[in-house]
N, C-alpha and C. Protein backbone atom coordinates (compact mmCIF):
# COMPACT_ATOMS: atom_id res chain seq x y z
N MET A 1 -10.72 24.92 -154.66
CA MET A 1 -11.34 23.97 -153.89
C MET A 1 -11.62 25.08 -152.92
N SER A 2 -10.49 26.01 -151.97
CA SER A 2 -10.80 26.27 -150.75
C SER A 2 -12.09 28.02 -151.00
N LYS A 3 -11.60 28.53 -152.59
CA LYS A 3 -12.91 29.66 -152.39
C LYS A 3 -14.03 28.83 -152.47
N VAL A 4 -14.29 28.27 -153.06
CA VAL A 4 -15.56 27.18 -152.46
C VAL A 4 -16.24 27.08 -151.07
N PHE A 5 -15.10 26.30 -150.32
CA PHE A 5 -15.54 26.61 -148.91
C PHE A 5 -15.69 26.82 -148.72
N LYS A 6 -14.84 28.57 -148.31
CA LYS A 6 -15.04 29.53 -148.22
C LYS A 6 -16.32 30.51 -147.96
N VAL A 7 -16.57 30.08 -149.70
CA VAL A 7 -17.92 30.35 -149.51
C VAL A 7 -18.79 29.87 -149.21
N LEU A 8 -19.27 28.76 -149.60
CA LEU A 8 -20.49 27.76 -148.70
C LEU A 8 -20.38 27.82 -146.98
N ILE A 9 -19.37 28.12 -146.30
CA ILE A 9 -19.06 28.62 -145.17
C ILE A 9 -19.65 30.26 -144.60
N ALA A 10 -19.47 31.03 -144.95
CA ALA A 10 -20.49 31.96 -145.72
C ALA A 10 -21.65 31.91 -145.55
N ASN A 11 -22.30 31.19 -146.00
CA ASN A 11 -23.88 31.35 -147.12
C ASN A 11 -24.52 30.82 -145.82
N TRP A 12 -23.74 29.45 -145.26
CA TRP A 12 -24.04 28.85 -143.80
C TRP A 12 -24.33 29.33 -142.65
N ILE A 13 -23.29 30.50 -142.09
CA ILE A 13 -23.83 31.60 -141.53
C ILE A 13 -24.57 31.98 -141.56
N LEU A 14 -24.27 32.99 -142.81
CA LEU A 14 -25.90 33.87 -143.79
C LEU A 14 -27.09 32.95 -143.11
N ALA A 15 -27.25 32.25 -143.26
CA ALA A 15 -28.42 31.79 -143.58
C ALA A 15 -29.12 30.80 -141.86
N THR A 16 -27.67 30.79 -141.26
CA THR A 16 -28.31 30.61 -140.00
C THR A 16 -28.82 31.14 -139.20
N THR A 17 -28.28 32.78 -138.91
CA THR A 17 -28.23 34.09 -138.07
C THR A 17 -29.80 34.67 -138.88
N LEU A 18 -29.96 34.63 -140.17
CA LEU A 18 -31.49 35.09 -141.16
C LEU A 18 -32.54 33.95 -140.45
N LEU A 19 -32.32 32.72 -140.13
CA LEU A 19 -33.39 32.01 -139.44
C LEU A 19 -33.60 31.83 -138.57
N ALA A 20 -33.05 32.44 -137.83
CA ALA A 20 -32.52 32.30 -136.02
C ALA A 20 -34.30 32.86 -135.50
N PRO A 21 -34.76 32.60 -134.83
CA PRO A 21 -35.95 33.10 -134.10
C PRO A 21 -36.11 34.67 -133.52
N VAL A 22 -36.18 34.91 -133.82
CA VAL A 22 -36.32 35.94 -133.00
C VAL A 22 -36.38 36.59 -131.95
N ASP A 23 -37.52 35.64 -131.23
CA ASP A 23 -37.71 35.38 -129.74
C ASP A 23 -36.80 34.83 -128.81
N ALA A 24 -35.64 33.97 -129.21
CA ALA A 24 -34.98 33.29 -128.78
C ALA A 24 -33.47 34.42 -128.82
N LEU A 25 -33.67 35.01 -130.07
CA LEU A 25 -32.23 35.89 -129.50
C LEU A 25 -32.52 37.45 -128.39
N ALA A 26 -33.83 37.37 -128.52
CA ALA A 26 -34.17 38.46 -127.49
C ALA A 26 -34.17 38.12 -126.51
N GLN A 27 -34.07 36.22 -125.44
CA GLN A 27 -34.30 36.33 -124.58
C GLN A 27 -33.15 35.85 -124.12
N ALA A 28 -32.30 35.44 -125.20
CA ALA A 28 -30.94 35.27 -124.54
C ALA A 28 -30.19 37.13 -124.48
N LYS A 29 -30.34 37.90 -124.96
CA LYS A 29 -30.06 39.50 -124.85
C LYS A 29 -30.93 39.67 -123.37
N ASP A 30 -31.73 39.46 -123.50
CA ASP A 30 -32.27 39.64 -121.68
C ASP A 30 -32.33 38.81 -120.76
N ALA A 31 -31.71 37.85 -120.46
CA ALA A 31 -31.62 36.70 -120.23
C ALA A 31 -30.62 37.18 -118.69
N PRO A 32 -31.18 37.00 -117.14
CA PRO A 32 -29.96 37.21 -116.34
C PRO A 32 -29.50 37.27 -116.32
N THR A 33 -28.39 38.01 -115.16
CA THR A 33 -26.89 36.89 -115.28
C THR A 33 -27.19 36.50 -113.75
N LYS A 34 -25.95 35.95 -113.44
CA LYS A 34 -25.65 36.13 -112.30
C LYS A 34 -25.80 36.51 -111.02
N ALA A 35 -25.89 37.78 -111.23
CA ALA A 35 -26.04 38.89 -110.62
C ALA A 35 -26.84 39.60 -110.28
N SER A 36 -27.73 38.76 -110.07
CA SER A 36 -29.41 38.85 -110.04
C SER A 36 -29.96 39.34 -108.70
N PRO A 37 -30.81 40.53 -109.07
CA PRO A 37 -30.91 41.26 -107.86
C PRO A 37 -31.49 40.41 -106.15
N SER A 38 -32.51 39.37 -107.04
CA SER A 38 -33.01 37.93 -105.61
C SER A 38 -31.39 37.90 -104.76
N ARG A 39 -30.88 37.49 -105.53
CA ARG A 39 -29.39 37.30 -104.31
C ARG A 39 -29.47 37.48 -103.38
N GLY A 40 -29.18 38.78 -103.31
CA GLY A 40 -29.45 39.74 -102.15
C GLY A 40 -27.86 40.20 -101.88
N PRO A 41 -27.75 40.94 -101.03
CA PRO A 41 -26.88 41.60 -100.83
C PRO A 41 -25.25 41.24 -100.88
N SER A 42 -24.48 42.08 -100.89
CA SER A 42 -23.17 41.79 -100.84
C SER A 42 -22.54 41.61 -99.30
N ASP A 43 -21.49 40.39 -99.25
CA ASP A 43 -21.26 40.80 -98.07
C ASP A 43 -20.75 41.87 -97.07
N LYS A 44 -19.47 42.85 -98.48
CA LYS A 44 -19.69 43.60 -97.52
C LYS A 44 -21.70 44.61 -97.00
N ALA A 45 -22.45 44.76 -98.11
CA ALA A 45 -23.00 45.38 -97.65
C ALA A 45 -23.88 44.28 -95.86
N VAL A 46 -24.00 43.73 -96.44
CA VAL A 46 -24.71 42.46 -94.66
C VAL A 46 -23.97 43.53 -93.86
N ALA A 47 -22.35 43.27 -94.04
CA ALA A 47 -21.07 43.47 -93.02
C ALA A 47 -21.79 45.24 -92.49
N ALA A 48 -22.28 46.62 -93.08
CA ALA A 48 -22.07 47.66 -93.24
C ALA A 48 -22.75 47.52 -92.01
N ALA A 49 -24.04 46.66 -92.83
CA ALA A 49 -25.90 46.95 -92.07
C ALA A 49 -25.98 46.50 -90.60
N LYS A 50 -25.03 45.06 -90.63
CA LYS A 50 -24.82 44.41 -88.96
C LYS A 50 -24.23 45.71 -88.35
N ALA A 51 -23.75 46.01 -88.59
CA ALA A 51 -22.08 47.24 -87.62
C ALA A 51 -23.37 48.77 -87.10
N ARG A 52 -24.01 49.23 -88.07
CA ARG A 52 -25.35 49.78 -88.13
C ARG A 52 -26.50 49.76 -87.03
N GLY A 53 -26.29 48.29 -86.67
CA GLY A 53 -28.01 47.65 -86.39
C GLY A 53 -29.49 47.64 -87.05
N LEU A 54 -29.23 47.37 -88.36
CA LEU A 54 -29.99 47.87 -88.88
C LEU A 54 -30.69 46.10 -88.93
N VAL A 55 -31.75 46.29 -88.97
CA VAL A 55 -32.36 44.57 -89.60
C VAL A 55 -32.46 44.22 -90.92
N TRP A 56 -32.94 42.77 -91.14
CA TRP A 56 -33.37 42.69 -93.15
C TRP A 56 -34.73 42.28 -92.96
N VAL A 57 -35.70 43.01 -93.77
CA VAL A 57 -37.09 42.66 -93.81
C VAL A 57 -37.08 41.83 -95.07
N GLY A 58 -37.97 40.67 -95.02
CA GLY A 58 -38.41 40.46 -96.42
C GLY A 58 -38.92 40.72 -96.78
N LYS A 59 -38.91 40.52 -97.74
CA LYS A 59 -40.13 41.32 -99.34
C LYS A 59 -41.42 40.56 -99.09
N ASN A 60 -41.36 39.58 -99.00
CA ASN A 60 -43.11 38.68 -98.94
C ASN A 60 -43.26 38.65 -97.79
N THR A 61 -42.40 38.53 -96.56
CA THR A 61 -43.06 38.11 -95.69
C THR A 61 -42.86 38.23 -93.76
N ARG A 62 -42.97 39.70 -94.01
CA ARG A 62 -43.45 40.96 -93.48
C ARG A 62 -42.49 39.98 -91.99
N VAL A 63 -41.41 39.69 -91.63
CA VAL A 63 -40.55 39.29 -91.21
C VAL A 63 -39.47 39.47 -91.37
N TYR A 64 -38.69 40.33 -89.98
CA TYR A 64 -37.37 40.76 -90.38
C TYR A 64 -36.42 40.22 -89.23
N TYR A 65 -35.08 40.23 -89.35
CA TYR A 65 -34.16 39.29 -88.68
C TYR A 65 -33.07 40.50 -88.67
N LYS A 66 -33.05 40.13 -87.12
CA LYS A 66 -32.05 40.73 -86.67
C LYS A 66 -30.87 40.32 -87.06
N GLY A 67 -30.72 38.57 -87.38
CA GLY A 67 -28.76 38.00 -87.69
C GLY A 67 -29.42 36.78 -87.83
N GLY A 68 -28.67 36.16 -87.87
CA GLY A 68 -28.39 34.33 -88.24
C GLY A 68 -28.76 34.53 -89.62
N GLU A 69 -29.56 33.12 -90.03
CA GLU A 69 -28.98 32.54 -91.47
C GLU A 69 -29.64 33.46 -92.33
N LEU A 70 -30.81 33.73 -92.00
CA LEU A 70 -31.32 34.29 -93.56
C LEU A 70 -30.97 36.02 -93.45
N TYR A 71 -30.46 36.13 -92.29
CA TYR A 71 -30.09 37.92 -92.45
C TYR A 71 -29.14 37.74 -93.60
N GLY A 72 -30.07 39.05 -95.03
CA GLY A 72 -29.04 39.55 -95.94
C GLY A 72 -29.59 38.60 -97.10
N LYS A 73 -29.89 37.29 -96.60
CA LYS A 73 -30.83 36.19 -97.84
C LYS A 73 -32.07 36.82 -98.58
N GLY A 74 -32.19 36.64 -99.65
CA GLY A 74 -32.85 36.26 -100.43
C GLY A 74 -33.54 37.84 -101.34
N GLU A 75 -34.64 38.50 -101.09
CA GLU A 75 -34.53 39.36 -101.83
C GLU A 75 -35.89 40.31 -100.64
N GLY A 76 -35.29 41.57 -100.10
CA GLY A 76 -35.89 42.33 -98.92
C GLY A 76 -34.90 43.48 -98.76
N GLU A 77 -34.79 44.58 -97.80
CA GLU A 77 -34.25 45.98 -97.44
C GLU A 77 -33.39 45.15 -96.38
N PHE A 78 -33.20 46.35 -95.28
CA PHE A 78 -31.97 47.03 -94.61
C PHE A 78 -33.31 48.00 -93.84
N MET A 79 -33.30 48.19 -92.92
CA MET A 79 -34.04 49.29 -92.61
C MET A 79 -33.96 49.38 -90.51
N PRO A 80 -34.48 50.54 -90.00
CA PRO A 80 -34.09 50.44 -88.39
C PRO A 80 -35.40 49.86 -88.35
N GLU A 81 -35.12 48.72 -87.62
CA GLU A 81 -35.95 48.27 -86.53
C GLU A 81 -37.30 48.80 -86.38
N ALA A 82 -37.21 49.93 -85.34
CA ALA A 82 -38.11 50.97 -84.97
C ALA A 82 -39.42 50.95 -86.61
N GLU A 83 -38.93 51.49 -87.53
CA GLU A 83 -38.89 51.48 -89.00
C GLU A 83 -39.63 49.94 -89.60
N ALA A 84 -38.97 48.96 -89.35
CA ALA A 84 -39.42 48.13 -89.64
C ALA A 84 -40.82 47.56 -88.69
N ARG A 85 -40.94 47.22 -87.63
CA ARG A 85 -41.98 47.41 -86.66
C ARG A 85 -43.23 48.27 -86.90
N LYS A 86 -43.22 49.61 -87.23
CA LYS A 86 -44.05 50.37 -87.57
C LYS A 86 -45.26 50.25 -89.04
N GLU A 87 -43.70 49.45 -89.68
CA GLU A 87 -44.30 48.96 -91.54
C GLU A 87 -45.27 47.87 -91.01
N GLY A 88 -45.46 47.54 -89.43
CA GLY A 88 -46.04 46.47 -89.27
C GLY A 88 -44.98 44.72 -89.71
N ASN A 89 -44.18 44.90 -90.02
CA ASN A 89 -43.53 43.22 -89.60
C ASN A 89 -43.16 43.05 -88.61
N ARG A 90 -42.82 41.64 -88.30
CA ARG A 90 -42.35 41.40 -86.60
C ARG A 90 -41.50 40.16 -87.25
N GLU A 91 -40.94 40.22 -85.67
CA GLU A 91 -39.63 40.03 -85.73
C GLU A 91 -39.61 38.12 -85.44
N GLN A 92 -38.73 37.62 -86.80
CA GLN A 92 -38.42 36.47 -86.71
C GLN A 92 -37.81 35.71 -84.50
N LYS A 93 -38.82 34.92 -84.76
CA LYS A 93 -38.08 35.38 -82.99
C LYS A 93 -36.83 33.25 -83.52
N PRO A 94 -36.16 33.30 -82.81
CA PRO A 94 -35.30 31.81 -82.85
C PRO A 94 -36.01 31.02 -82.71
N ALA A 95 -35.02 30.05 -83.56
CA ALA A 95 -36.18 27.91 -83.07
C ALA A 95 -36.27 27.59 -82.21
N ASP A 96 -35.11 27.83 -81.31
CA ASP A 96 -34.55 27.05 -79.70
C ASP A 96 -36.13 28.04 -78.45
N GLY A 97 -36.52 28.89 -79.35
CA GLY A 97 -38.15 29.43 -78.51
C GLY A 97 -37.55 30.64 -77.63
N LYS A 98 -35.93 30.13 -77.91
CA LYS A 98 -35.00 31.83 -76.86
C LYS A 98 -35.68 32.83 -77.27
N ASN A 99 -35.14 34.08 -76.45
CA ASN A 99 -35.08 35.35 -77.26
C ASN A 99 -33.80 36.31 -76.93
């Protein structure tokens, strides 16, 4: 009886593997991981950039941040402020209107 049971299980595993959609397997393989690039740089990289006086330029916003809540968040890159301005980016003004 146990031989029959083992054969049935082996056949079931083989059948489910062969019948699985190829696209589903490919999507599972290419699925983004928790450490996706859109998450932003590590805390260590943010601290190092801050220490060097770099600004954070948002990828699609053309706005740069010298600090604050959005510094190092989302997609973007660190660069010197002069370079950020040269590329046409503008500084994010504080919410209270003070500089």
